[in-house]
C-alpha cells in the first residue's frame, strides 16, 4: 500500500517537473499513455493474458479510455501549468465526491443518508476554501477548473466501468487495451499542440510518470484488490494528497498557507464521510457491496493521477 501510494501520489510531481522543463501538456499525455501501455502489455504477456477480441468489449474500453485516461490525464497536465502539484493531488481526491453526486443525480445511489450528504457538502466546501475565489489572487481560474473537471471525469469513468468492464476477465490485458486506446485518443490532439523543447529532466520525469506512476500502479492496484479486497485498495486514495503535498513542498518548494491546509483537511474529512456506510437492518455486509473503484483501469489514479 505504501509503495502504491508513493507511486500514485508522486505522479503529480512528475507532471509538474515535466511541464516546467519544456514538455507540452499534449506530448506529456501521449507519452505517459504510451509508456503505460508498454508496461501493461509486457505484464499481460507475462501473465498469459491476451488483448480482447470482442468488438463490444473494445467499444467499452474505448469509452473508458476517454473518460478514465485521455481526458483526466490531459486536464491534469493543463491544470498543473498554473496550480501546484500538491493542490492537484487534493483535487484528485474529490473523485468520490463527484461519484456520489453523479449517483444521486442519476438515481443509482439511493443510500444518500445524512452522513454521506454532509460529507458531500463538506468536501466541496473544502474545495471552495482552498481556491478562495473571494480573495484577490485566489486559486480560482481555468487551471483549478481543469483539475476539478479531471476528477469529475474519473467519476463518470468509474460509473461506466462498473457497469461494463468489472465482470471481465484478463484484467491486465483489458487495462493494456484501455491505455492503448487512451494513447490513440490523445494522439489526435498532437496536431494542435505547440512545439515542445523538453530537456533531459523532462524526459526523465515523463518516463517515471509513464512507467511507474501509470503502468506499474495499474498492476499493483490489481494485486491490492486481489490480496486485500477493494475496500483496502480504495483507502490508498486517502494517502495520495498527503504524498503529493509532501513531495511538492520538499522537492518543488511549494508553499501552503493555513487556509489551504485547512481546506485540504476539510476535503479529506468530507471524502471519508461519504465513504462511510452505517449498518442498517437488512443491509449487506460491507465486503459484499460492489465497489466502483475496483474495476479495470480504476487505478487512475483514482485513475492514476
C-alpha atoms as a PDB file:
ATOM      1  CA  UNK A   1       0.000   0.000   0.000  1.00  0.00           C
ATOM      2  CA  UNK A   2       2.845   2.397   0.853  1.00  0.00           C
ATOM      3  CA  UNK A   3       4.558   1.715  -2.487  1.00  0.00           C
ATOM      4  CA  UNK A   4       1.311   2.186  -4.369  1.00  0.00           C
ATOM      5  CA  UNK A   5       0.547   5.455  -2.573  1.00  0.00           C
ATOM      6  CA  UNK A   6       4.057   6.768  -3.245  1.00  0.00           C
ATOM      7  CA  UNK A   7       3.958   5.926  -6.965  1.00  0.00           C
ATOM      8  CA  UNK A   8       0.447   7.319  -7.435  1.00  0.00           C
ATOM      9  CA  UNK A   9       0.943  10.397  -5.313  1.00  0.00           C
ATOM     10  CA  UNK A  10       4.267  11.239  -6.943  1.00  0.00           C
ATOM     11  CA  UNK A  11       2.579  11.366 -10.347  1.00  0.00           C
ATOM     12  CA  UNK A  12       1.557  14.985  -9.736  1.00  0.00           C
ATOM     13  CA  UNK A  13       5.184  15.866  -9.015  1.00  0.00           C
ATOM     14  CA  UNK A  14       6.416  14.282 -12.247  1.00  0.00           C
ATOM     15  CA  UNK A  15       3.748  16.100 -14.246  1.00  0.00           C
ATOM     16  CA  UNK A  16       4.851  19.429 -12.779  1.00  0.00           C
ATOM     17  CA  UNK A  17       8.545  18.729 -13.364  1.00  0.00           C
ATOM     18  CA  UNK A  18       7.978  17.665 -16.974  1.00  0.00           C
ATOM     19  CA  UNK A  19       5.908  20.776 -17.694  1.00  0.00           C
ATOM     20  CA  UNK A  20       8.437  23.088 -16.034  1.00  0.00           C
ATOM     21  CA  UNK A  21      11.237  21.620 -18.144  1.00  0.00           C
ATOM     22  CA  UNK A  22       9.710  22.168 -21.556  1.00  0.00           C
ATOM     23  CA  UNK A  23       7.268  19.341 -22.250  1.00  0.00           C
ATOM     24  CA  UNK A  24       3.838  20.414 -23.505  1.00  0.00           C
ATOM     25  CA  UNK A  25       0.650  19.004 -21.935  1.00  0.00           C
ATOM     26  CA  UNK A  26      -0.293  17.162 -25.138  1.00  0.00           C
ATOM     27  CA  UNK A  27       3.094  15.496 -25.598  1.00  0.00           C
ATOM     28  CA  UNK A  28       3.232  14.672 -21.891  1.00  0.00           C
ATOM     29  CA  UNK A  29      -0.154  12.957 -22.015  1.00  0.00           C
ATOM     30  CA  UNK A  30       0.585  10.916 -25.152  1.00  0.00           C
ATOM     31  CA  UNK A  31       3.981   9.785 -23.879  1.00  0.00           C
ATOM     32  CA  UNK A  32       2.563   8.852 -20.498  1.00  0.00           C
ATOM     33  CA  UNK A  33      -0.185   6.717 -22.041  1.00  0.00           C
ATOM     34  CA  UNK A  34       2.204   5.044 -24.495  1.00  0.00           C
ATOM     35  CA  UNK A  35       4.730   4.112 -21.802  1.00  0.00           C
ATOM     36  CA  UNK A  36       1.986   2.841 -19.502  1.00  0.00           C
ATOM     37  CA  UNK A  37       0.608   0.736 -22.351  1.00  0.00           C
ATOM     38  CA  UNK A  38       4.021  -0.824 -22.981  1.00  0.00           C
ATOM     39  CA  UNK A  39       4.389  -1.798 -19.317  1.00  0.00           C
ATOM     40  CA  UNK A  40       0.914  -3.343 -19.141  1.00  0.00           C
ATOM     41  CA  UNK A  41       1.382  -5.238 -22.402  1.00  0.00           C
ATOM     42  CA  UNK A  42       4.550  -6.803 -21.007  1.00  0.00           C
ATOM     43  CA  UNK A  43       2.832  -7.679 -17.719  1.00  0.00           C
ATOM     44  CA  UNK A  44      -0.196  -9.106 -19.551  1.00  0.00           C
ATOM     45  CA  UNK A  45       2.050 -11.232 -21.738  1.00  0.00           C
ATOM     46  CA  UNK A  46       3.880 -12.496 -18.663  1.00  0.00           C
ATOM     47  CA  UNK A  47       0.509 -13.437 -17.143  1.00  0.00           C
ATOM     48  CA  UNK A  48      -0.546 -15.137 -20.413  1.00  0.00           C
ATOM     49  CA  UNK A  49      -3.429 -12.721 -20.923  1.00  0.00           C
ATOM     50  CA  UNK A  50      -4.461 -11.738 -24.451  1.00  0.00           C
ATOM     51  CA  UNK A  51      -5.958  -8.471 -25.628  1.00  0.00           C
ATOM     52  CA  UNK A  52      -9.764  -8.501 -26.003  1.00  0.00           C
ATOM     53  CA  UNK A  53     -11.192  -9.819 -29.246  1.00  0.00           C
ATOM     54  CA  UNK A  54     -14.821  -8.829 -28.742  1.00  0.00           C
ATOM     55  CA  UNK A  55     -15.934  -5.710 -30.634  1.00  0.00           C
ATOM     56  CA  UNK A  56     -18.387  -4.862 -27.855  1.00  0.00           C
ATOM     57  CA  UNK A  57     -15.628  -5.033 -25.250  1.00  0.00           C
ATOM     58  CA  UNK A  58     -13.353  -2.834 -27.374  1.00  0.00           C
ATOM     59  CA  UNK A  59     -16.173  -0.288 -27.599  1.00  0.00           C
ATOM     60  CA  UNK A  60     -16.493  -0.207 -23.816  1.00  0.00           C
ATOM     61  CA  UNK A  61     -12.721   0.025 -23.434  1.00  0.00           C
ATOM     62  CA  UNK A  62     -12.628   2.934 -25.877  1.00  0.00           C
ATOM     63  CA  UNK A  63     -15.233   4.878 -23.873  1.00  0.00           C
ATOM     64  CA  UNK A  64     -13.475   4.071 -20.589  1.00  0.00           C
ATOM     65  CA  UNK A  65     -10.138   5.183 -22.047  1.00  0.00           C
ATOM     66  CA  UNK A  66     -11.606   8.544 -22.969  1.00  0.00           C
ATOM     67  CA  UNK A  67     -13.058   9.375 -19.549  1.00  0.00           C
ATOM     68  CA  UNK A  68     -10.647   7.483 -17.272  1.00  0.00           C
ATOM     69  CA  UNK A  69      -7.378   8.250 -19.024  1.00  0.00           C
ATOM     70  CA  UNK A  70      -7.300  10.598 -22.011  1.00  0.00           C
ATOM     71  CA  UNK A  71      -9.458  13.421 -20.603  1.00  0.00           C
ATOM     72  CA  UNK A  72      -8.241  13.453 -16.970  1.00  0.00           C
ATOM     73  CA  UNK A  73      -4.575  12.932 -17.899  1.00  0.00           C
ATOM     74  CA  UNK A  74      -4.766  15.891 -20.290  1.00  0.00           C
ATOM     75  CA  UNK A  75      -6.685  18.052 -17.818  1.00  0.00           C
ATOM     76  CA  UNK A  76      -4.198  17.413 -15.015  1.00  0.00           C
ATOM     77  CA  UNK A  77      -1.345  18.333 -17.347  1.00  0.00           C
ATOM     78  CA  UNK A  78      -3.162  21.530 -18.335  1.00  0.00           C
ATOM     79  CA  UNK A  79      -4.192  22.389 -14.780  1.00  0.00           C
ATOM     80  CA  UNK A  80      -0.715  21.977 -13.323  1.00  0.00           C
ATOM     81  CA  UNK A  81       0.556  24.693 -15.603  1.00  0.00           C
ATOM     82  CA  UNK A  82      -0.945  27.171 -13.132  1.00  0.00           C
ATOM     83  CA  UNK A  83      -1.683  25.111  -9.995  1.00  0.00           C
ATOM     84  CA  UNK A  84       0.810  23.469  -7.622  1.00  0.00           C
ATOM     85  CA  UNK A  85       1.248  19.696  -7.685  1.00  0.00           C
ATOM     86  CA  UNK A  86       0.129  19.390  -4.050  1.00  0.00           C
ATOM     87  CA  UNK A  87      -3.190  21.083  -4.794  1.00  0.00           C
ATOM     88  CA  UNK A  88      -3.609  18.835  -7.835  1.00  0.00           C
ATOM     89  CA  UNK A  89      -3.330  15.801  -5.581  1.00  0.00           C
ATOM     90  CA  UNK A  90      -6.047  17.126  -3.296  1.00  0.00           C
ATOM     91  CA  UNK A  91      -8.340  17.840  -6.258  1.00  0.00           C
ATOM     92  CA  UNK A  92      -7.825  14.266  -7.411  1.00  0.00           C
ATOM     93  CA  UNK A  93      -9.158  13.126  -4.031  1.00  0.00           C
ATOM     94  CA  UNK A  94     -12.535  14.765  -4.774  1.00  0.00           C
ATOM     95  CA  UNK A  95     -13.396  11.938  -7.197  1.00  0.00           C
ATOM     96  CA  UNK A  96     -15.555  10.084  -4.597  1.00  0.00           C
ATOM     97  CA  UNK A  97     -17.499  13.319  -4.064  1.00  0.00           C
ATOM     98  CA  UNK A  98     -18.252  13.569  -7.772  1.00  0.00           C
ATOM     99  CA  UNK A  99     -19.166   9.860  -7.825  1.00  0.00           C
ATOM    100  CA  UNK A 100     -21.656  10.361  -5.014  1.00  0.00           C
ATOM    101  CA  UNK A 101     -23.126  13.445  -6.685  1.00  0.00           C
ATOM    102  CA  UNK A 102     -23.385  11.605 -10.005  1.00  0.00           C
ATOM    103  CA  UNK A 103     -25.082   8.656  -8.325  1.00  0.00           C
ATOM    104  CA  UNK A 104     -27.599  10.983  -6.642  1.00  0.00           C
ATOM    105  CA  UNK A 105     -28.407  12.737  -9.915  1.00  0.00           C
ATOM    106  CA  UNK A 106     -28.769   9.507 -11.901  1.00  0.00           C
ATOM    107  CA  UNK A 107     -30.625   7.726  -9.122  1.00  0.00           C
ATOM    108  CA  UNK A 108     -28.044   4.923  -8.921  1.00  0.00           C
ATOM    109  CA  UNK A 109     -27.117   5.746  -5.319  1.00  0.00           C
ATOM    110  CA  UNK A 110     -30.212   5.638  -3.190  1.00  0.00           C
ATOM    111  CA  UNK A 111     -28.353   5.318   0.132  1.00  0.00           C
ATOM    112  CA  UNK A 112     -27.725   9.056   0.405  1.00  0.00           C
ATOM    113  CA  UNK A 113     -28.144   9.115   4.178  1.00  0.00           C
ATOM    114  CA  UNK A 114     -27.432  12.302   6.190  1.00  0.00           C
ATOM    115  CA  UNK A 115     -23.807  11.428   6.973  1.00  0.00           C
ATOM    116  CA  UNK A 116     -22.874  10.910   3.320  1.00  0.00           C
ATOM    117  CA  UNK A 117     -24.811  14.013   2.296  1.00  0.00           C
ATOM    118  CA  UNK A 118     -22.948  16.009   4.947  1.00  0.00           C
ATOM    119  CA  UNK A 119     -19.669  14.635   3.612  1.00  0.00           C
ATOM    120  CA  UNK A 120     -20.615  15.717   0.100  1.00  0.00           C
ATOM    121  CA  UNK A 121     -21.234  19.319   1.123  1.00  0.00           C
ATOM    122  CA  UNK A 122     -18.232  19.294   3.448  1.00  0.00           C
ATOM    123  CA  UNK A 123     -15.919  18.095   0.689  1.00  0.00           C
ATOM    124  CA  UNK A 124     -16.941  20.770  -1.769  1.00  0.00           C
ATOM    125  CA  UNK A 125     -16.784  23.387   0.993  1.00  0.00           C
ATOM    126  CA  UNK A 126     -13.157  22.353   1.463  1.00  0.00           C
ATOM    127  CA  UNK A 127     -12.517  22.823  -2.250  1.00  0.00           C
ATOM    128  CA  UNK A 128     -14.025  26.291  -2.044  1.00  0.00           C
ATOM    129  CA  UNK A 129     -11.824  27.070   0.965  1.00  0.00           C
ATOM    130  CA  UNK A 130      -8.705  26.001  -0.933  1.00  0.00           C
ATOM    131  CA  UNK A 131      -9.465  28.080  -4.009  1.00  0.00           C
ATOM    132  CA  UNK A 132     -10.779  31.109  -2.055  1.00  0.00           C
ATOM    133  CA  UNK A 133     -12.381  32.793  -5.088  1.00  0.00           C
ATOM    134  CA  UNK A 134     -13.469  35.700  -2.866  1.00  0.00           C
ATOM    135  CA  UNK A 135      -9.827  36.728  -2.386  1.00  0.00           C
ATOM    136  CA  UNK A 136      -7.721  38.593  -4.892  1.00  0.00           C
ATOM    137  CA  UNK A 137      -5.118  36.161  -6.166  1.00  0.00           C
ATOM    138  CA  UNK A 138      -7.079  33.083  -5.099  1.00  0.00           C
ATOM    139  CA  UNK A 139      -6.644  29.785  -6.925  1.00  0.00           C
ATOM    140  CA  UNK A 140      -9.934  30.051  -8.817  1.00  0.00           C
ATOM    141  CA  UNK A 141      -9.282  30.011 -12.540  1.00  0.00           C
ATOM    142  CA  UNK A 142      -9.117  27.791 -15.590  1.00  0.00           C
ATOM    143  CA  UNK A 143      -6.317  25.658 -14.132  1.00  0.00           C
ATOM    144  CA  UNK A 144      -8.281  24.862 -10.992  1.00  0.00           C
ATOM    145  CA  UNK A 145     -11.365  24.204 -13.093  1.00  0.00           C
ATOM    146  CA  UNK A 146      -9.391  21.733 -15.213  1.00  0.00           C
ATOM    147  CA  UNK A 147      -8.354  19.801 -12.098  1.00  0.00           C
ATOM    148  CA  UNK A 148     -11.920  19.565 -10.817  1.00  0.00           C
ATOM    149  CA  UNK A 149     -13.132  18.525 -14.273  1.00  0.00           C
ATOM    150  CA  UNK A 150     -10.494  15.771 -14.316  1.00  0.00           C
ATOM    151  CA  UNK A 151     -11.786  14.384 -11.017  1.00  0.00           C
ATOM    152  CA  UNK A 152     -15.352  14.524 -12.338  1.00  0.00           C
ATOM    153  CA  UNK A 153     -14.237  12.657 -15.464  1.00  0.00           C
ATOM    154  CA  UNK A 154     -12.841   9.887 -13.269  1.00  0.00           C
ATOM    155  CA  UNK A 155     -16.212   9.631 -11.516  1.00  0.00           C
ATOM    156  CA  UNK A 156     -18.011   9.266 -14.847  1.00  0.00           C
ATOM    157  CA  UNK A 157     -15.494   6.639 -15.929  1.00  0.00           C
ATOM    158  CA  UNK A 158     -15.811   4.580 -12.736  1.00  0.00           C
ATOM    159  CA  UNK A 159     -19.597   4.539 -13.058  1.00  0.00           C
ATOM    160  CA  UNK A 160     -19.366   3.388 -16.679  1.00  0.00           C
ATOM    161  CA  UNK A 161     -16.668   0.816 -15.984  1.00  0.00           C
ATOM    162  CA  UNK A 162     -18.551  -0.647 -13.026  1.00  0.00           C
ATOM    163  CA  UNK A 163     -21.403  -1.469 -15.395  1.00  0.00           C
ATOM    164  CA  UNK A 164     -19.490  -2.641 -18.447  1.00  0.00           C
ATOM    165  CA  UNK A 165     -15.949  -3.726 -17.565  1.00  0.00           C
ATOM    166  CA  UNK A 166     -15.640  -5.022 -13.992  1.00  0.00           C
ATOM    167  CA  UNK A 167     -17.016  -8.536 -14.689  1.00  0.00           C
ATOM    168  CA  UNK A 168     -14.467  -9.121 -17.458  1.00  0.00           C
ATOM    169  CA  UNK A 169     -11.535 -11.494 -17.113  1.00  0.00           C
ATOM    170  CA  UNK A 170      -7.890 -10.854 -18.021  1.00  0.00           C
ATOM    171  CA  UNK A 171      -7.697  -7.542 -16.140  1.00  0.00           C
ATOM    172  CA  UNK A 172      -4.113  -6.716 -17.149  1.00  0.00           C
ATOM    173  CA  UNK A 173      -4.908  -7.253 -20.824  1.00  0.00           C
ATOM    174  CA  UNK A 174      -8.091  -5.167 -20.570  1.00  0.00           C
ATOM    175  CA  UNK A 175      -6.152  -2.387 -18.846  1.00  0.00           C
ATOM    176  CA  UNK A 176      -3.455  -2.548 -21.523  1.00  0.00           C
ATOM    177  CA  UNK A 177      -6.165  -2.250 -24.165  1.00  0.00           C
ATOM    178  CA  UNK A 178      -7.650   0.701 -22.302  1.00  0.00           C
ATOM    179  CA  UNK A 179      -4.345   2.599 -22.174  1.00  0.00           C
ATOM    180  CA  UNK A 180      -3.731   1.676 -25.810  1.00  0.00           C
ATOM    181  CA  UNK A 181      -6.993   3.370 -26.765  1.00  0.00           C
ATOM    182  CA  UNK A 182      -6.098   6.304 -24.499  1.00  0.00           C
ATOM    183  CA  UNK A 183      -2.872   6.668 -26.481  1.00  0.00           C
ATOM    184  CA  UNK A 184      -4.928   6.771 -29.665  1.00  0.00           C
ATOM    185  CA  UNK A 185      -7.311   9.375 -28.211  1.00  0.00           C
ATOM    186  CA  UNK A 186      -4.502  11.638 -27.040  1.00  0.00           C
ATOM    187  CA  UNK A 187      -2.570  11.300 -30.294  1.00  0.00           C
ATOM    188  CA  UNK A 188      -5.486  13.046 -32.018  1.00  0.00           C
ATOM    189  CA  UNK A 189      -4.578  16.223 -30.121  1.00  0.00           C
ATOM    190  CA  UNK A 190      -0.950  16.329 -31.255  1.00  0.00           C
ATOM    191  CA  UNK A 191      -1.577  18.355 -34.455  1.00  0.00           C
ATOM    192  CA  UNK A 192      -2.929  21.204 -32.307  1.00  0.00           C
ATOM    193  CA  UNK A 193      -0.093  21.066 -29.759  1.00  0.00           C
ATOM    194  CA  UNK A 194       2.508  23.801 -29.617  1.00  0.00           C
ATOM    195  CA  UNK A 195       6.153  22.935 -30.388  1.00  0.00           C
ATOM    196  CA  UNK A 196       7.898  21.464 -27.382  1.00  0.00           C
ATOM    197  CA  UNK A 197      11.550  21.571 -26.352  1.00  0.00           C
ATOM    198  CA  UNK A 198      11.979  19.226 -23.381  1.00  0.00           C
ATOM    199  CA  UNK A 199      15.319  18.806 -21.681  1.00  0.00           C
ATOM    200  CA  UNK A 200      16.707  15.622 -20.129  1.00  0.00           C
ATOM    201  CA  UNK A 201      14.919  16.320 -16.819  1.00  0.00           C
ATOM    202  CA  UNK A 202      11.543  16.483 -18.580  1.00  0.00           C
ATOM    203  CA  UNK A 203      12.228  13.233 -20.426  1.00  0.00           C
ATOM    204  CA  UNK A 204      13.226  11.505 -17.191  1.00  0.00           C
ATOM    205  CA  UNK A 205      10.124  12.832 -15.399  1.00  0.00           C
ATOM    206  CA  UNK A 206       7.703  11.665 -18.088  1.00  0.00           C
ATOM    207  CA  UNK A 207       9.417   8.269 -18.228  1.00  0.00           C
ATOM    208  CA  UNK A 208       8.957   7.769 -14.482  1.00  0.00           C
ATOM    209  CA  UNK A 209       5.381   9.039 -14.802  1.00  0.00           C
ATOM    210  CA  UNK A 210       4.515   6.620 -17.600  1.00  0.00           C
ATOM    211  CA  UNK A 211       6.388   3.518 -16.430  1.00  0.00           C
ATOM    212  CA  UNK A 212       5.987   3.717 -12.645  1.00  0.00           C
ATOM    213  CA  UNK A 213       3.116   6.124 -11.876  1.00  0.00           C
ATOM    214  CA  UNK A 214       0.880   4.824 -14.671  1.00  0.00           C
ATOM    215  CA  UNK A 215       1.770   1.341 -15.894  1.00  0.00           C
ATOM    216  CA  UNK A 216       3.161  -0.235 -12.726  1.00  0.00           C
ATOM    217  CA  UNK A 217       0.469   1.282 -10.489  1.00  0.00           C
ATOM    218  CA  UNK A 218      -2.228  -0.483 -12.526  1.00  0.00           C
ATOM    219  CA  UNK A 219      -0.511  -3.770 -11.774  1.00  0.00           C
ATOM    220  CA  UNK A 220      -0.005  -3.011  -8.074  1.00  0.00           C
ATOM    221  CA  UNK A 221      -3.621  -1.903  -7.761  1.00  0.00           C
ATOM    222  CA  UNK A 222      -4.801  -5.275  -9.077  1.00  0.00           C
ATOM    223  CA  UNK A 223      -2.505  -7.016  -6.598  1.00  0.00           C
ATOM    224  CA  UNK A 224      -4.044  -4.945  -3.794  1.00  0.00           C
ATOM    225  CA  UNK A 225      -7.587  -5.739  -4.900  1.00  0.00           C
ATOM    226  CA  UNK A 226      -6.825  -9.461  -5.240  1.00  0.00           C
ATOM    227  CA  UNK A 227      -4.961  -9.820  -1.945  1.00  0.00           C
ATOM    228  CA  UNK A 228      -6.620  -7.231   0.326  1.00  0.00           C
ATOM    229  CA  UNK A 229     -10.009  -6.609  -1.305  1.00  0.00           C
ATOM    230  CA  UNK A 230     -11.457  -3.487  -2.989  1.00  0.00           C
ATOM    231  CA  UNK A 231     -12.111  -1.661   0.279  1.00  0.00           C
ATOM    232  CA  UNK A 232      -8.475  -1.782   1.362  1.00  0.00           C
ATOM    233  CA  UNK A 233      -7.342  -0.867  -2.143  1.00  0.00           C
ATOM    234  CA  UNK A 234      -9.633   2.159  -2.179  1.00  0.00           C
ATOM    235  CA  UNK A 235      -8.117   3.511   1.034  1.00  0.00           C
ATOM    236  CA  UNK A 236      -4.922   4.254  -0.888  1.00  0.00           C
ATOM    237  CA  UNK A 237      -6.795   7.231  -2.318  1.00  0.00           C
ATOM    238  CA  UNK A 238      -6.698   8.910   1.091  1.00  0.00           C
ATOM    239  CA  UNK A 239      -2.900   8.804   1.074  1.00  0.00           C
ATOM    240  CA  UNK A 240      -2.397  10.406  -2.341  1.00  0.00           C
ATOM    241  CA  UNK A 241      -2.949  14.037  -1.237  1.00  0.00           C
ATOM    242  CA  UNK A 242      -0.538  13.529   1.656  1.00  0.00           C
ATOM    243  CA  UNK A 243       2.125  12.245  -0.725  1.00  0.00           C
ATOM    244  CA  UNK A 244       1.540  14.942  -3.358  1.00  0.00           C
ATOM    245  CA  UNK A 245       1.583  17.777  -0.810  1.00  0.00           C
ATOM    246  CA  UNK A 246       4.685  16.460   0.947  1.00  0.00           C
ATOM    247  CA  UNK A 247       6.651  15.932  -2.269  1.00  0.00           C
ATOM    248  CA  UNK A 248       5.536  19.305  -3.641  1.00  0.00           C
ATOM    249  CA  UNK A 249       6.813  21.038  -0.539  1.00  0.00           C
ATOM    250  CA  UNK A 250      10.082  19.080  -0.286  1.00  0.00           C
ATOM    251  CA  UNK A 251      11.082  18.883  -3.949  1.00  0.00           C
ATOM    252  CA  UNK A 252       9.444  21.908  -5.586  1.00  0.00           C
ATOM    253  CA  UNK A 253       9.357  24.231  -2.564  1.00  0.00           C
ATOM    254  CA  UNK A 254       5.624  24.734  -2.975  1.00  0.00           C
ATOM    255  CA  UNK A 255       4.204  26.864  -0.186  1.00  0.00           C
ATOM    256  CA  UNK A 256       0.951  26.023   1.548  1.00  0.00           C
ATOM    257  CA  UNK A 257      -0.770  28.603   3.727  1.00  0.00           C
ATOM    258  CA  UNK A 258      -3.013  27.855   6.724  1.00  0.00           C
ATOM    259  CA  UNK A 259      -6.182  28.340   4.652  1.00  0.00           C
ATOM    260  CA  UNK A 260      -5.055  25.825   2.030  1.00  0.00           C
ATOM    261  CA  UNK A 261      -4.045  23.258   4.641  1.00  0.00           C
ATOM    262  CA  UNK A 262      -7.378  23.711   6.405  1.00  0.00           C
ATOM    263  CA  UNK A 263      -9.193  23.238   3.105  1.00  0.00           C
ATOM    264  CA  UNK A 264      -7.291  20.015   2.457  1.00  0.00           C
ATOM    265  CA  UNK A 265      -8.285  18.671   5.863  1.00  0.00           C
ATOM    266  CA  UNK A 266     -11.937  19.551   5.204  1.00  0.00           C
ATOM    267  CA  UNK A 267     -11.840  17.839   1.785  1.00  0.00           C
ATOM    268  CA  UNK A 268     -10.401  14.624   3.226  1.00  0.00           C
ATOM    269  CA  UNK A 269     -12.898  14.677   6.096  1.00  0.00           C
ATOM    270  CA  UNK A 270     -15.732  15.081   3.605  1.00  0.00           C
ATOM    271  CA  UNK A 271     -14.444  12.230   1.433  1.00  0.00           C
ATOM    272  CA  UNK A 272     -14.121   9.995   4.493  1.00  0.00           C
ATOM    273  CA  UNK A 273     -17.719  10.774   5.473  1.00  0.00           C
ATOM    274  CA  UNK A 274     -19.029   9.909   2.002  1.00  0.00           C
ATOM    275  CA  UNK A 275     -17.275   6.536   2.162  1.00  0.00           C
ATOM    276  CA  UNK A 276     -18.957   5.668   5.475  1.00  0.00           C
ATOM    277  CA  UNK A 277     -21.863   3.248   5.242  1.00  0.00           C
ATOM    278  CA  UNK A 278     -23.604   2.789   8.596  1.00  0.00           C
ATOM    279  CA  UNK A 279     -25.113  -0.635   9.100  1.00  0.00           C
ATOM    280  CA  UNK A 280     -28.865  -0.724   8.772  1.00  0.00           C
ATOM    281  CA  UNK A 281     -31.262  -3.581   9.281  1.00  0.00           C
ATOM    282  CA  UNK A 282     -31.119  -5.895   6.297  1.00  0.00           C
ATOM    283  CA  UNK A 283     -28.093  -4.182   4.792  1.00  0.00           C
ATOM    284  CA  UNK A 284     -25.387  -6.191   3.090  1.00  0.00           C
ATOM    285  CA  UNK A 285     -22.062  -6.554   4.860  1.00  0.00           C
ATOM    286  CA  UNK A 286     -19.503  -4.103   3.550  1.00  0.00           C
ATOM    287  CA  UNK A 287     -17.378  -6.807   1.972  1.00  0.00           C
ATOM    288  CA  UNK A 288     -20.310  -7.879  -0.245  1.00  0.00           C
ATOM    289  CA  UNK A 289     -21.043  -4.487  -1.671  1.00  0.00           C
ATOM    290  CA  UNK A 290     -19.750  -3.748  -5.174  1.00  0.00           C
ATOM    291  CA  UNK A 291     -17.039  -1.124  -5.491  1.00  0.00           C
ATOM    292  CA  UNK A 292     -16.822   1.424  -8.278  1.00  0.00           C
ATOM    293  CA  UNK A 293     -13.088   1.647  -7.750  1.00  0.00           C
ATOM    294  CA  UNK A 294     -12.231  -1.997  -8.242  1.00  0.00           C
ATOM    295  CA  UNK A 295     -12.638  -2.378 -11.973  1.00  0.00           C
ATOM    296  CA  UNK A 296     -10.109  -2.411 -14.791  1.00  0.00           C
ATOM    297  CA  UNK A 297      -8.392   0.913 -15.086  1.00  0.00           C
ATOM    298  CA  UNK A 298      -9.687   2.156 -11.771  1.00  0.00           C
ATOM    299  CA  UNK A 299      -6.175   2.565 -10.659  1.00  0.00           C
ATOM    300  CA  UNK A 300      -6.201   6.016 -12.278  1.00  0.00           C
ATOM    301  CA  UNK A 301      -5.074   7.296 -10.282  1.00  0.00           C
ATOM    302  CA  UNK A 302      -8.008   7.129  -8.559  1.00  0.00           C
ATOM    303  CA  UNK A 303      -7.240   6.832 -12.142  1.00  0.00           C
ATOM    304  CA  UNK A 304      -3.512   7.192 -11.831  1.00  0.00           C
ATOM    305  CA  UNK A 305      -3.370  10.883 -11.276  1.00  0.00           C
END
